[in-house]
């Protein structure tokens, strides 16, 4: 029964490096874009929202005074 010996200090540092690398990649994507790319994405989002809102059904207004039963 032989298990792999792990240096916990090195494992902890490696995990921290991976976490920093992941957040750095997210920041590069988030902040490393040109003004044209940002405006293009904004325009695409607005178009998608407008299309989505355009497909919504509006409820038909009903009036309670239009009863023809006579009750």
PDB file of N, CA and C in Angstrom:
ATOM      1  N   UNK A   1       0.845  -1.173   0.000  1.00  0.00           N
ATOM      2  CA  UNK A   1       0.000   0.000   0.000  1.00  0.00           C
ATOM      3  C   UNK A   1       0.890   1.236   0.000  1.00  0.00           C
ATOM      4  N   UNK A   2       1.108   1.788  -1.184  1.00  0.00           N
ATOM      5  CA  UNK A   2       1.930   2.985  -1.255  1.00  0.00           C
ATOM      6  C   UNK A   2       1.087   4.116  -1.824  1.00  0.00           C
ATOM      7  N   UNK A   3       1.056   5.187  -1.113  1.00  0.00           N
ATOM      8  CA  UNK A   3       0.299   6.361  -1.537  1.00  0.00           C
ATOM      9  C   UNK A   3       1.276   7.427  -2.028  1.00  0.00           C
ATOM     10  N   UNK A   4       0.769   8.300  -2.845  1.00  0.00           N
ATOM     11  CA  UNK A   4       1.600   9.379  -3.350  1.00  0.00           C
ATOM     12  C   UNK A   4       1.732  10.443  -2.266  1.00  0.00           C
ATOM     13  N   UNK A   5       2.940  10.809  -1.985  1.00  0.00           N
ATOM     14  CA  UNK A   5       3.203  11.822  -0.974  1.00  0.00           C
ATOM     15  C   UNK A   5       3.098  13.191  -1.635  1.00  0.00           C
ATOM     16  N   UNK A   6       2.297  14.059  -1.011  1.00  0.00           N
ATOM     17  CA  UNK A   6       2.082  15.399  -1.561  1.00  0.00           C
ATOM     18  C   UNK A   6       2.553  16.430  -0.552  1.00  0.00           C
ATOM     19  N   UNK A   7       3.306  17.385  -1.040  1.00  0.00           N
ATOM     20  CA  UNK A   7       3.703  18.502  -0.205  1.00  0.00           C
ATOM     21  C   UNK A   7       2.532  19.488  -0.189  1.00  0.00           C
ATOM     22  N   UNK A   8       1.878  19.635   0.945  1.00  0.00           N
ATOM     23  CA  UNK A   8       0.673  20.462   1.045  1.00  0.00           C
ATOM     24  C   UNK A   8       0.948  21.930   0.742  1.00  0.00           C
ATOM     25  N   UNK A   9       2.117  22.401   1.110  1.00  0.00           N
ATOM     26  CA  UNK A   9       2.462  23.799   0.832  1.00  0.00           C
ATOM     27  C   UNK A   9       2.516  24.043  -0.669  1.00  0.00           C
ATOM     28  N   UNK A  10       3.147  23.134  -1.394  1.00  0.00           N
ATOM     29  CA  UNK A  10       3.224  23.274  -2.851  1.00  0.00           C
ATOM     30  C   UNK A  10       1.851  23.127  -3.501  1.00  0.00           C
ATOM     31  N   UNK A  11       1.040  22.215  -2.995  1.00  0.00           N
ATOM     32  CA  UNK A  11      -0.302  22.023  -3.550  1.00  0.00           C
ATOM     33  C   UNK A  11      -1.152  23.280  -3.341  1.00  0.00           C
ATOM     34  N   UNK A  12      -1.042  23.883  -2.175  1.00  0.00           N
ATOM     35  CA  UNK A  12      -1.794  25.108  -1.870  1.00  0.00           C
ATOM     36  C   UNK A  12      -1.349  26.251  -2.781  1.00  0.00           C
ATOM     37  N   UNK A  13      -0.050  26.387  -2.997  1.00  0.00           N
ATOM     38  CA  UNK A  13       0.457  27.435  -3.877  1.00  0.00           C
ATOM     39  C   UNK A  13       0.025  27.193  -5.322  1.00  0.00           C
ATOM     40  N   UNK A  14       0.031  25.948  -5.755  1.00  0.00           N
ATOM     41  CA  UNK A  14      -0.388  25.622  -7.115  1.00  0.00           C
ATOM     42  C   UNK A  14      -1.869  25.946  -7.312  1.00  0.00           C
ATOM     43  N   UNK A  15      -2.683  25.658  -6.312  1.00  0.00           N
ATOM     44  CA  UNK A  15      -4.105  25.971  -6.378  1.00  0.00           C
ATOM     45  C   UNK A  15      -4.316  27.482  -6.447  1.00  0.00           C
ATOM     46  N   UNK A  16      -3.558  28.245  -5.674  1.00  0.00           N
ATOM     47  CA  UNK A  16      -3.666  29.701  -5.690  1.00  0.00           C
ATOM     48  C   UNK A  16      -3.249  30.256  -7.047  1.00  0.00           C
ATOM     49  N   UNK A  17      -2.197  29.696  -7.645  1.00  0.00           N
ATOM     50  CA  UNK A  17      -1.755  30.143  -8.969  1.00  0.00           C
ATOM     51  C   UNK A  17      -2.829  29.890 -10.021  1.00  0.00           C
ATOM     52  N   UNK A  18      -3.454  28.725  -9.945  1.00  0.00           N
ATOM     53  CA  UNK A  18      -4.510  28.393 -10.906  1.00  0.00           C
ATOM     54  C   UNK A  18      -5.693  29.348 -10.755  1.00  0.00           C
ATOM     55  N   UNK A  19      -6.032  29.677  -9.520  1.00  0.00           N
ATOM     56  CA  UNK A  19      -7.132  30.604  -9.267  1.00  0.00           C
ATOM     57  C   UNK A  19      -6.815  31.997  -9.818  1.00  0.00           C
ATOM     58  N   UNK A  20      -5.589  32.456  -9.597  1.00  0.00           N
ATOM     59  CA  UNK A  20      -5.186  33.760 -10.113  1.00  0.00           C
ATOM     60  C   UNK A  20      -5.172  33.775 -11.635  1.00  0.00           C
ATOM     61  N   UNK A  21      -4.725  32.688 -12.231  1.00  0.00           N
ATOM     62  CA  UNK A  21      -4.693  32.611 -13.693  1.00  0.00           C
ATOM     63  C   UNK A  21      -6.108  32.644 -14.261  1.00  0.00           C
ATOM     64  N   UNK A  22      -7.049  31.976 -13.599  1.00  0.00           N
ATOM     65  CA  UNK A  22      -8.431  31.963 -14.061  1.00  0.00           C
ATOM     66  C   UNK A  22      -9.044  33.370 -13.963  1.00  0.00           C
ATOM     67  N   UNK A  23      -8.814  34.057 -12.836  1.00  0.00           N
ATOM     68  CA  UNK A  23      -9.365  35.405 -12.696  1.00  0.00           C
ATOM     69  C   UNK A  23      -8.689  36.382 -13.658  1.00  0.00           C
ATOM     70  N   UNK A  24      -7.413  36.169 -13.949  1.00  0.00           N
ATOM     71  CA  UNK A  24      -6.719  37.031 -14.910  1.00  0.00           C
ATOM     72  C   UNK A  24      -7.307  36.849 -16.308  1.00  0.00           C
ATOM     73  N   UNK A  25      -7.635  35.612 -16.655  1.00  0.00           N
ATOM     74  CA  UNK A  25      -8.241  35.357 -17.966  1.00  0.00           C
ATOM     75  C   UNK A  25      -9.611  36.019 -18.065  1.00  0.00           C
ATOM     76  N   UNK A  26     -10.390  35.956 -16.988  1.00  0.00           N
ATOM     77  CA  UNK A  26     -11.699  36.616 -16.970  1.00  0.00           C
ATOM     78  C   UNK A  26     -11.543  38.131 -17.116  1.00  0.00           C
ATOM     79  N   UNK A  27     -10.575  38.710 -16.434  1.00  0.00           N
ATOM     80  CA  UNK A  27     -10.341  40.156 -16.514  1.00  0.00           C
ATOM     81  C   UNK A  27      -9.861  40.565 -17.901  1.00  0.00           C
ATOM     82  N   UNK A  28      -9.026  39.742 -18.533  1.00  0.00           N
ATOM     83  CA  UNK A  28      -8.589  40.053 -19.890  1.00  0.00           C
ATOM     84  C   UNK A  28      -9.775  40.087 -20.839  1.00  0.00           C
ATOM     85  N   UNK A  29     -10.687  39.147 -20.653  1.00  0.00           N
ATOM     86  CA  UNK A  29     -11.875  39.118 -21.509  1.00  0.00           C
ATOM     87  C   UNK A  29     -12.791  40.303 -21.204  1.00  0.00           C
ATOM     88  N   UNK A  30     -12.915  40.628 -19.950  1.00  0.00           N
ATOM     89  CA  UNK A  30     -13.849  41.682 -19.532  1.00  0.00           C
ATOM     90  C   UNK A  30     -13.330  43.078 -19.857  1.00  0.00           C
ATOM     91  N   UNK A  31     -12.062  43.341 -19.583  1.00  0.00           N
ATOM     92  CA  UNK A  31     -11.522  44.693 -19.716  1.00  0.00           C
ATOM     93  C   UNK A  31     -10.588  44.878 -20.902  1.00  0.00           C
ATOM     94  N   UNK A  32     -10.196  43.812 -21.546  1.00  0.00           N
ATOM     95  CA  UNK A  32      -9.214  43.911 -22.612  1.00  0.00           C
ATOM     96  C   UNK A  32      -9.838  44.007 -23.986  1.00  0.00           C
ATOM     97  N   UNK A  33     -10.964  44.690 -24.092  1.00  0.00           N
ATOM     98  CA  UNK A  33     -11.639  44.803 -25.389  1.00  0.00           C
ATOM     99  C   UNK A  33     -11.607  46.247 -25.867  1.00  0.00           C
ATOM    100  N   UNK A  34     -11.646  46.398 -27.171  1.00  0.00           N
ATOM    101  CA  UNK A  34     -11.639  47.744 -27.732  1.00  0.00           C
ATOM    102  C   UNK A  34     -13.030  48.355 -27.613  1.00  0.00           C
ATOM    103  N   UNK A  35     -13.099  49.644 -27.839  1.00  0.00           N
ATOM    104  CA  UNK A  35     -14.372  50.346 -27.759  1.00  0.00           C
ATOM    105  C   UNK A  35     -15.354  49.812 -28.804  1.00  0.00           C
ATOM    106  N   UNK A  36     -14.849  49.470 -29.980  1.00  0.00           N
ATOM    107  CA  UNK A  36     -15.697  48.934 -31.045  1.00  0.00           C
ATOM    108  C   UNK A  36     -16.286  47.576 -30.640  1.00  0.00           C
ATOM    109  N   UNK A  37     -15.471  46.733 -30.007  1.00  0.00           N
ATOM    110  CA  UNK A  37     -15.968  45.435 -29.557  1.00  0.00           C
ATOM    111  C   UNK A  37     -17.039  45.593 -28.486  1.00  0.00           C
ATOM    112  N   UNK A  38     -16.809  46.527 -27.571  1.00  0.00           N
ATOM    113  CA  UNK A  38     -17.791  46.769 -26.512  1.00  0.00           C
ATOM    114  C   UNK A  38     -19.102  47.278 -27.088  1.00  0.00           C
ATOM    115  N   UNK A  39     -19.025  48.218 -28.022  1.00  0.00           N
ATOM    116  CA  UNK A  39     -20.250  48.775 -28.600  1.00  0.00           C
ATOM    117  C   UNK A  39     -20.966  47.734 -29.457  1.00  0.00           C
ATOM    118  N   UNK A  40     -20.217  46.864 -30.128  1.00  0.00           N
ATOM    119  CA  UNK A  40     -20.820  45.795 -30.918  1.00  0.00           C
ATOM    120  C   UNK A  40     -21.592  44.834 -30.014  1.00  0.00           C
ATOM    121  N   UNK A  41     -20.988  44.437 -28.917  1.00  0.00           N
ATOM    122  CA  UNK A  41     -21.664  43.527 -27.982  1.00  0.00           C
ATOM    123  C   UNK A  41     -22.900  44.184 -27.379  1.00  0.00           C
ATOM    124  N   UNK A  42     -22.788  45.468 -27.065  1.00  0.00           N
ATOM    125  CA  UNK A  42     -23.919  46.216 -26.513  1.00  0.00           C
ATOM    126  C   UNK A  42     -25.070  46.272 -27.521  1.00  0.00           C
ATOM    127  N   UNK A  43     -24.747  46.496 -28.786  1.00  0.00           N
ATOM    128  CA  UNK A  43     -25.770  46.561 -29.829  1.00  0.00           C
ATOM    129  C   UNK A  43     -26.436  45.199 -30.019  1.00  0.00           C
ATOM    130  N   UNK A  44     -25.656  44.127 -29.972  1.00  0.00           N
ATOM    131  CA  UNK A  44     -26.214  42.784 -30.112  1.00  0.00           C
ATOM    132  C   UNK A  44     -27.150  42.456 -28.944  1.00  0.00           C
ATOM    133  N   UNK A  45     -26.761  42.857 -27.752  1.00  0.00           N
ATOM    134  CA  UNK A  45     -27.600  42.627 -26.576  1.00  0.00           C
ATOM    135  C   UNK A  45     -28.903  43.396 -26.688  1.00  0.00           C
ATOM    136  N   UNK A  46     -28.832  44.640 -27.143  1.00  0.00           N
ATOM    137  CA  UNK A  46     -30.031  45.447 -27.301  1.00  0.00           C
ATOM    138  C   UNK A  46     -30.959  44.841 -28.350  1.00  0.00           C
ATOM    139  N   UNK A  47     -30.391  44.327 -29.425  1.00  0.00           N
ATOM    140  CA  UNK A  47     -31.186  43.700 -30.474  1.00  0.00           C
ATOM    141  C   UNK A  47     -31.879  42.443 -29.959  1.00  0.00           C
ATOM    142  N   UNK A  48     -31.152  41.635 -29.213  1.00  0.00           N
ATOM    143  CA  UNK A  48     -31.741  40.422 -28.641  1.00  0.00           C
ATOM    144  C   UNK A  48     -32.871  40.765 -27.677  1.00  0.00           C
ATOM    145  N   UNK A  49     -32.670  41.788 -26.865  1.00  0.00           N
ATOM    146  CA  UNK A  49     -33.705  42.209 -25.924  1.00  0.00           C
ATOM    147  C   UNK A  49     -34.931  42.711 -26.665  1.00  0.00           C
ATOM    148  N   UNK A  50     -34.731  43.491 -27.710  1.00  0.00           N
ATOM    149  CA  UNK A  50     -35.853  44.013 -28.482  1.00  0.00           C
ATOM    150  C   UNK A  50     -36.629  42.875 -29.149  1.00  0.00           C
ATOM    151  N   UNK A  51     -35.928  41.893 -29.667  1.00  0.00           N
ATOM    152  CA  UNK A  51     -36.596  40.747 -30.287  1.00  0.00           C
ATOM    153  C   UNK A  51     -37.398  39.961 -29.261  1.00  0.00           C
ATOM    154  N   UNK A  52     -36.812  39.774 -28.099  1.00  0.00           N
ATOM    155  CA  UNK A  52     -37.487  39.039 -27.040  1.00  0.00           C
ATOM    156  C   UNK A  52     -38.740  39.778 -26.583  1.00  0.00           C
ATOM    157  N   UNK A  53     -38.604  41.076 -26.359  1.00  0.00           N
ATOM    158  CA  UNK A  53     -39.744  41.879 -25.916  1.00  0.00           C
ATOM    159  C   UNK A  53     -40.823  41.934 -26.996  1.00  0.00           C
ATOM    160  N   UNK A  54     -40.443  41.893 -28.251  1.00  0.00           N
ATOM    161  CA  UNK A  54     -41.395  41.958 -29.343  1.00  0.00           C
ATOM    162  C   UNK A  54     -42.248  40.708 -29.467  1.00  0.00           C
ATOM    163  N   UNK A  55     -41.773  39.601 -28.921  1.00  0.00           N
ATOM    164  CA  UNK A  55     -42.523  38.358 -29.014  1.00  0.00           C
ATOM    165  C   UNK A  55     -43.431  38.115 -27.814  1.00  0.00           C
ATOM    166  N   UNK A  56     -43.429  39.017 -26.861  1.00  0.00           N
ATOM    167  CA  UNK A  56     -44.293  38.857 -25.696  1.00  0.00           C
ATOM    168  C   UNK A  56     -45.740  39.093 -26.089  1.00  0.00           C
ATOM    169  N   UNK A  57     -46.613  38.338 -25.470  1.00  0.00           N
ATOM    170  CA  UNK A  57     -48.040  38.531 -25.688  1.00  0.00           C
ATOM    171  C   UNK A  57     -48.553  39.529 -24.656  1.00  0.00           C
ATOM    172  N   UNK A  58     -49.361  40.465 -25.111  1.00  0.00           N
ATOM    173  CA  UNK A  58     -49.935  41.426 -24.180  1.00  0.00           C
ATOM    174  C   UNK A  58     -51.323  40.952 -23.813  1.00  0.00           C
ATOM    175  N   UNK A  59     -51.704  41.042 -22.558  1.00  0.00           N
ATOM    176  CA  UNK A  59     -53.036  40.590 -22.166  1.00  0.00           C
ATOM    177  C   UNK A  59     -54.107  41.512 -22.744  1.00  0.00           C
ATOM    178  N   UNK A  60     -55.221  40.915 -23.144  1.00  0.00           N
ATOM    179  CA  UNK A  60     -56.327  41.685 -23.691  1.00  0.00           C
ATOM    180  C   UNK A  60     -57.078  42.315 -22.529  1.00  0.00           C
ATOM    181  N   UNK A  61     -57.245  43.634 -22.548  1.00  0.00           N
ATOM    182  CA  UNK A  61     -57.935  44.273 -21.426  1.00  0.00           C
ATOM    183  C   UNK A  61     -59.408  43.871 -21.415  1.00  0.00           C
ATOM    184  N   UNK A  62     -59.867  43.458 -20.257  1.00  0.00           N
ATOM    185  CA  UNK A  62     -61.274  43.087 -20.111  1.00  0.00           C
ATOM    186  C   UNK A  62     -61.936  44.060 -19.162  1.00  0.00           C
ATOM    187  N   UNK A  63     -63.180  44.328 -19.430  1.00  0.00           N
ATOM    188  CA  UNK A  63     -63.931  45.244 -18.586  1.00  0.00           C
ATOM    189  C   UNK A  63     -64.998  44.448 -17.854  1.00  0.00           C
ATOM    190  N   UNK A  64     -65.203  44.727 -16.583  1.00  0.00           N
ATOM    191  CA  UNK A  64     -66.210  44.012 -15.799  1.00  0.00           C
ATOM    192  C   UNK A  64     -67.614  44.489 -16.129  1.00  0.00           C
ATOM    193  N   UNK A  65     -67.780  45.608 -16.789  1.00  0.00           N
ATOM    194  CA  UNK A  65     -69.096  46.168 -17.086  1.00  0.00           C
ATOM    195  C   UNK A  65     -69.692  45.623 -18.370  1.00  0.00           C
ATOM    196  N   UNK A  66     -69.049  44.722 -19.053  1.00  0.00           N
ATOM    197  CA  UNK A  66     -69.547  44.237 -20.334  1.00  0.00           C
ATOM    198  C   UNK A  66     -70.299  42.913 -20.210  1.00  0.00           C
ATOM    199  N   UNK A  67     -70.770  42.579 -19.031  1.00  0.00           N
ATOM    200  CA  UNK A  67     -71.541  41.348 -18.857  1.00  0.00           C
ATOM    201  C   UNK A  67     -72.875  41.463 -19.583  1.00  0.00           C
ATOM    202  N   UNK A  68     -73.186  40.478 -20.388  1.00  0.00           N
ATOM    203  CA  UNK A  68     -74.471  40.496 -21.128  1.00  0.00           C
ATOM    204  C   UNK A  68     -75.473  39.558 -20.518  1.00  0.00           C
ATOM    205  N   UNK A  69     -75.122  38.935 -19.367  1.00  0.00           N
ATOM    206  CA  UNK A  69     -76.023  37.992 -18.714  1.00  0.00           C
ATOM    207  C   UNK A  69     -77.230  38.684 -18.088  1.00  0.00           C
ATOM    208  N   UNK A  70     -77.021  39.837 -17.571  1.00  0.00           N
ATOM    209  CA  UNK A  70     -78.093  40.589 -16.913  1.00  0.00           C
ATOM    210  C   UNK A  70     -78.258  40.208 -15.465  1.00  0.00           C
ATOM    211  N   UNK A  71     -77.325  39.517 -14.858  1.00  0.00           N
ATOM    212  CA  UNK A  71     -77.428  39.125 -13.450  1.00  0.00           C
ATOM    213  C   UNK A  71     -77.174  40.242 -12.525  1.00  0.00           C
TER     214      UNK A  71
END
